[in-house]
Amino acid sequence: MSFTSNYVSCAGREIHYTEWGSQHGETVIAWHGLARTGRDMDEVAEHLASRYRVICPDTLGRGLSQWSPDPVNEYRLSFYVKLATALADQLDLDRFHWLGTSMGGAIGTLAAATTLRGRIRRLILNDNGPRLADAALDRIRTYAGNPPAFERVSELEQFLRTVYQPYGWLSDAQWRRMTETSTRRLPNGLVTTHYDPAMAGQFTHHPNDYDLWDAYDSLDIPVLCLRGETSDLLLPETADEMRRRGPRAVVVTIPGCGHAPALNVPDQIDLVERFFTAAD
């Protein structure tokens, strides 16, 4: 099944998204992780598109979306929620499901607790929780804020294979697609990752952005948390607390991966589909 590529103005910023299964009424918003793009959701979106309309945005400063002219104030969860709300409004989405990997899960949590309360029906947090491990955040800040540049796209692919090895198994074709949808060429001819490095300033300018227990505790919708077995970002004790607090998430450990499951193999995709279709 194919997708369409679309652009829309949200809060004065151009946001790119792919759309799958446009013939369906029931909708899933699938939001990617910090330094990634909406194309990471291709496999799960293609599968869900037999039943759902699936919207996969590129966050501001990532992929084909506009880079922020005000990075200090706009590369933060509250502004991403503002963009998500504007996107849902423009697409006439009344009630819908949310699937978020890492940062995409944090955006979904905050949105479901605030401007999209009552509109997000079910929430999947892919290796994300209301408290993230400081050591992992330091690791992410280090590579995300200073992306390397390479002479060859094949060298960039090897870099991505190394950095995202915790995603678990990906086919060679999937690694190649990740690379080609994550590449931009610099003025000097080198290639690097397709995002604005300034987005990593979120951790400096808004150090408590990902402390979301208050938002999480306020949720009254079903929540599924997929935790990578060896994740260094979502620690087991945090996942256990998520089971006890707020919406009392169902937590499923995904073997063979860390941060974050790639949502590209049948077992992972089936978990997503079963959780959403339970609402029907």
Protein backbone atom coordinates (compact mmCIF):
# COMPACT_ATOMS: atom_id res chain seq x y z
CA MET A 1 0.00 0.00 0.00
CA SER A 2 1.37 3.42 -0.92
CA PHE A 3 1.32 6.71 0.94
CA THR A 4 1.00 10.37 0.01
CA SER A 5 3.40 13.14 0.98
CA ASN A 6 1.75 16.30 2.32
CA TYR A 7 2.58 19.74 3.71
CA VAL A 8 0.46 21.88 6.01
CA SER A 9 0.99 25.09 7.97
CA CYS A 10 0.69 24.59 11.73
CA ALA A 11 1.21 27.50 14.14
CA GLY A 12 2.91 29.34 11.29
CA ARG A 13 5.37 26.52 10.56
CA GLU A 14 5.34 24.16 7.57
CA ILE A 15 4.98 20.57 8.72
CA HIS A 16 5.42 17.57 6.45
CA TYR A 17 3.55 14.31 6.97
CA THR A 18 2.90 11.10 5.12
CA GLU A 19 -0.61 9.70 4.99
CA TRP A 20 -1.58 6.06 4.62
CA GLY A 21 -5.07 4.58 4.24
CA SER A 22 -6.78 7.88 3.51
CA GLN A 23 -10.05 6.08 2.71
CA HIS A 24 -10.62 5.18 6.36
CA GLY A 25 -12.36 7.25 9.01
CA GLU A 26 -10.61 5.89 12.09
CA THR A 27 -7.21 7.54 12.44
CA VAL A 28 -3.85 6.88 14.08
CA ILE A 29 -1.22 9.58 14.52
CA ALA A 30 2.22 7.91 14.56
CA TRP A 31 4.95 10.24 15.84
CA HIS A 32 8.67 9.47 15.60
CA GLY A 33 11.57 9.88 18.03
CA LEU A 34 13.91 12.77 18.76
CA ALA A 35 16.39 12.72 15.86
CA ARG A 36 14.30 10.70 13.43
CA THR A 37 11.58 11.28 10.82
CA GLY A 38 8.07 10.06 10.17
CA ARG A 39 9.38 7.56 7.65
CA ASP A 40 10.49 5.38 10.56
CA MET A 41 6.81 4.45 10.85
CA ASP A 42 6.52 3.03 7.32
CA GLU A 43 6.16 -0.65 8.27
CA VAL A 44 3.64 -0.22 11.06
CA ALA A 45 1.74 2.44 9.09
CA GLU A 46 1.50 0.25 6.00
CA HIS A 47 0.07 -2.58 8.09
CA LEU A 48 -2.41 -0.39 10.01
CA ALA A 49 -3.54 1.25 6.75
CA SER A 50 -5.70 -1.77 5.95
CA ARG A 51 -7.99 -0.52 8.72
CA TYR A 52 -6.94 3.00 9.71
CA ARG A 53 -5.97 6.32 8.26
CA VAL A 54 -2.38 6.78 9.51
CA ILE A 55 -0.70 10.19 9.77
CA CYS A 56 3.10 10.23 10.24
CA PRO A 57 4.45 13.75 10.77
CA ASP A 58 8.01 15.02 10.63
CA THR A 59 8.53 17.10 13.77
CA LEU A 60 9.59 20.71 13.35
CA GLY A 61 13.29 20.71 12.48
CA ARG A 62 13.29 17.12 11.24
CA GLY A 63 12.94 15.48 7.85
CA LEU A 64 11.06 17.66 5.38
CA SER A 65 9.43 19.92 7.95
CA GLN A 66 10.57 23.50 8.37
CA TRP A 67 13.45 24.29 10.72
CA SER A 68 12.48 26.62 13.56
CA PRO A 69 13.47 30.29 13.28
CA ASP A 70 13.14 30.42 17.09
CA PRO A 71 14.87 27.22 18.28
CA VAL A 72 15.11 28.09 21.97
CA ASN A 73 11.36 28.56 22.33
CA GLU A 74 10.07 26.10 19.73
CA TYR A 75 12.20 22.99 20.13
CA ARG A 76 10.31 21.88 23.22
CA LEU A 77 7.40 19.61 24.06
CA SER A 78 4.85 22.37 24.63
CA PHE A 79 5.39 23.76 21.13
CA TYR A 80 5.34 20.29 19.58
CA VAL A 81 1.96 19.76 21.28
CA LYS A 82 0.80 23.06 19.80
CA LEU A 83 1.82 21.79 16.35
CA ALA A 84 0.13 18.42 16.93
CA THR A 85 -3.09 20.11 17.98
CA ALA A 86 -3.05 22.38 14.92
CA LEU A 87 -2.40 19.34 12.71
CA ALA A 88 -5.33 17.42 14.23
CA ASP A 89 -7.58 20.45 13.78
CA GLN A 90 -6.64 20.95 10.14
CA LEU A 91 -7.16 17.27 9.37
CA ASP A 92 -10.59 17.39 11.08
CA LEU A 93 -9.64 14.67 13.55
CA ASP A 94 -12.23 14.46 16.28
CA ARG A 95 -11.04 11.35 18.12
CA PHE A 96 -8.03 9.25 17.19
CA HIS A 97 -5.32 6.95 18.49
CA TRP A 98 -1.72 7.98 19.17
CA LEU A 99 1.43 5.91 18.65
CA GLY A 100 4.62 7.63 19.75
CA THR A 101 8.22 6.45 19.78
CA SER A 102 10.40 8.07 22.45
CA MET A 103 9.88 11.84 22.00
CA GLY A 104 6.71 11.08 20.04
CA GLY A 105 5.38 9.31 23.12
CA ALA A 106 6.18 12.31 25.32
CA ILE A 107 4.33 14.60 22.90
CA GLY A 108 1.36 12.23 23.01
CA THR A 109 1.36 12.10 26.82
CA LEU A 110 1.41 15.89 27.19
CA ALA A 111 -1.13 16.40 24.41
CA ALA A 112 -3.53 13.82 25.87
CA ALA A 113 -3.30 15.60 29.22
CA THR A 114 -3.85 19.10 27.80
CA THR A 115 -5.00 20.39 24.42
CA LEU A 116 -5.96 17.00 22.97
CA ARG A 117 -7.61 15.66 26.13
CA GLY A 118 -10.74 13.76 25.16
CA ARG A 119 -9.60 13.44 21.54
CA ILE A 120 -6.79 10.92 21.96
CA ARG A 121 -8.61 7.63 22.56
CA ARG A 122 -5.71 5.27 23.19
CA LEU A 123 -2.02 5.96 23.66
CA ILE A 124 0.98 3.77 22.88
CA LEU A 125 4.33 4.82 24.35
CA ASN A 126 7.14 3.10 22.47
CA ASP A 127 10.03 3.03 24.96
CA ASN A 128 8.92 6.25 26.60
CA GLY A 129 7.70 7.13 30.06
CA PRO A 130 7.14 10.10 32.37
CA ARG A 131 10.69 9.82 33.69
CA LEU A 132 13.75 9.16 31.51
CA ALA A 133 17.19 8.02 32.66
CA ASP A 134 19.70 10.87 32.91
CA ALA A 135 22.61 8.81 31.57
CA ALA A 136 20.68 7.93 28.43
CA LEU A 137 19.63 11.54 27.91
CA ASP A 138 23.30 12.54 28.13
CA ARG A 139 24.16 9.93 25.51
CA ILE A 140 21.42 11.14 23.16
CA ARG A 141 22.38 14.78 23.64
CA THR A 142 25.97 13.99 22.70
CA TYR A 143 25.26 12.41 19.32
CA ALA A 144 22.12 14.37 18.41
CA GLY A 145 23.61 17.81 18.98
CA ASN A 146 26.77 17.12 16.99
CA PRO A 147 25.88 14.94 14.01
CA PRO A 148 28.92 13.85 12.00
CA ALA A 149 29.34 14.47 8.28
CA PHE A 150 30.58 11.98 5.70
CA GLU A 151 31.79 11.99 2.14
CA ARG A 152 29.59 9.04 1.19
CA VAL A 153 26.02 8.05 1.92
CA SER A 154 27.25 4.50 2.57
CA GLU A 155 29.37 5.88 5.42
CA LEU A 156 26.34 7.62 6.89
CA GLU A 157 24.47 4.32 6.67
CA GLN A 158 27.15 2.58 8.70
CA PHE A 159 26.95 5.35 11.30
CA LEU A 160 23.16 4.94 11.56
CA ARG A 161 23.50 1.16 11.83
CA THR A 162 25.82 1.71 14.79
CA VAL A 163 23.84 4.42 16.58
CA TYR A 164 20.49 2.69 16.11
CA GLN A 165 21.66 -0.87 16.68
CA PRO A 166 19.40 -0.96 19.81
CA TYR A 167 16.38 -0.72 17.46
CA GLY A 168 16.75 -4.46 16.97
CA TRP A 169 16.59 -6.33 13.69
CA LEU A 170 16.17 -4.33 10.49
CA SER A 171 16.56 -5.74 6.99
CA ASP A 172 19.25 -4.32 4.71
CA ALA A 173 16.49 -2.62 2.72
CA GLN A 174 15.11 -1.01 5.87
CA TRP A 175 18.54 0.28 6.89
CA ARG A 176 18.97 1.70 3.39
CA ARG A 177 15.58 3.41 3.52
CA MET A 178 16.36 4.83 6.95
CA THR A 179 19.59 6.24 5.54
CA GLU A 180 18.07 7.72 2.39
CA THR A 181 15.22 9.35 4.33
CA SER A 182 17.66 10.68 6.93
CA THR A 183 20.21 12.32 4.62
CA ARG A 184 20.87 15.95 3.73
CA ARG A 185 23.84 17.32 1.84
CA LEU A 186 25.81 20.18 3.31
CA PRO A 187 27.15 23.17 1.32
CA ASN A 188 30.61 21.56 1.34
CA GLY A 189 29.23 18.44 -0.35
CA LEU A 190 29.35 16.17 2.70
CA VAL A 191 26.26 14.34 3.89
CA THR A 192 24.78 14.35 7.38
CA THR A 193 21.54 13.57 9.17
CA HIS A 194 18.31 15.26 8.11
CA TYR A 195 17.56 17.40 11.16
CA ASP A 196 18.45 20.71 12.74
CA PRO A 197 21.18 20.10 15.37
CA ALA A 198 19.74 23.01 17.37
CA MET A 199 16.82 20.78 18.35
CA ALA A 200 19.14 19.11 20.92
CA GLY A 201 19.16 22.45 22.78
CA GLN A 202 15.86 21.33 24.28
CA PHE A 203 17.83 19.49 26.97
CA THR A 204 19.78 22.63 27.88
CA HIS A 205 17.09 25.29 27.62
CA HIS A 206 14.26 23.12 28.99
CA PRO A 207 15.99 20.55 31.22
CA ASN A 208 12.76 19.36 32.86
CA ASP A 209 10.81 18.98 29.62
CA TYR A 210 10.56 15.21 29.91
CA ASP A 211 9.47 15.11 33.56
CA LEU A 212 5.85 14.24 32.83
CA TRP A 213 4.50 12.45 35.90
CA ASP A 214 1.82 15.10 36.49
CA ALA A 215 0.59 14.80 32.90
CA TYR A 216 0.77 11.00 32.99
CA ASP A 217 -1.06 10.73 36.32
CA SER A 218 -3.92 12.84 34.94
CA LEU A 219 -4.63 10.48 32.01
CA ASP A 220 -7.84 8.47 32.01
CA ILE A 221 -7.36 6.57 28.74
CA PRO A 222 -5.88 3.14 28.00
CA VAL A 223 -2.09 3.26 27.73
CA LEU A 224 0.25 0.60 26.35
CA CYS A 225 3.98 0.92 26.99
CA LEU A 226 6.39 -1.08 24.84
CA ARG A 227 9.74 -1.24 26.63
CA GLY A 228 12.87 -2.44 24.87
CA GLU A 229 14.37 -5.27 26.89
CA THR A 230 17.75 -3.55 27.26
CA SER A 231 16.54 0.06 27.08
CA ASP A 232 18.77 2.51 28.92
CA LEU A 233 16.21 5.32 28.58
CA LEU A 234 13.09 3.78 30.12
CA LEU A 235 14.32 1.94 33.19
CA PRO A 236 12.48 -1.10 34.61
CA GLU A 237 11.60 0.70 37.83
CA THR A 238 9.95 3.52 35.88
CA ALA A 239 7.95 1.02 33.83
CA ASP A 240 6.84 -0.68 37.06
CA GLU A 241 5.71 2.65 38.46
CA MET A 242 3.75 3.31 35.26
CA ARG A 243 1.80 0.13 35.98
CA ARG A 244 0.78 1.43 39.40
CA ARG A 245 0.12 5.12 38.74
CA GLY A 246 -2.26 7.22 36.69
CA PRO A 247 -3.79 5.23 33.82
CA ARG A 248 -1.98 2.07 35.00
CA ALA A 249 -0.32 1.30 31.70
CA VAL A 250 -0.02 -2.18 30.32
CA VAL A 251 3.74 -2.70 29.94
CA VAL A 252 5.11 -5.21 27.45
CA THR A 253 8.83 -5.96 27.26
CA ILE A 254 10.12 -6.30 23.71
CA PRO A 255 12.98 -8.83 23.50
CA GLY A 256 16.08 -8.35 21.40
CA CYS A 257 16.17 -4.56 21.39
CA GLY A 258 16.86 -1.53 23.53
CA HIS A 259 15.86 2.05 22.79
CA ALA A 260 13.65 1.89 20.89
CA PRO A 261 11.81 -1.02 19.20
CA ALA A 262 11.66 -0.30 15.47
CA LEU A 263 8.00 -1.43 15.11
CA ASN A 264 8.96 -3.20 11.90
CA VAL A 265 8.43 -6.90 12.66
CA PRO A 266 5.16 -8.85 12.97
CA ASP A 267 5.27 -9.41 16.74
CA GLN A 268 5.66 -5.71 17.47
CA ILE A 269 3.15 -4.59 14.85
CA ASP A 270 0.59 -7.10 16.15
CA LEU A 271 0.83 -5.62 19.65
CA VAL A 272 0.08 -2.16 18.23
CA GLU A 273 -2.83 -3.38 16.11
CA ARG A 274 -4.45 -5.44 18.88
CA PHE A 275 -4.31 -2.53 21.31
CA PHE A 276 -5.96 -0.10 18.92
CA THR A 277 -8.58 -2.51 17.59
CA ALA A 278 -9.65 -3.37 21.17
CA ALA A 279 -11.29 0.06 21.22
CA ASP A 280 -13.55 -1.00 18.35
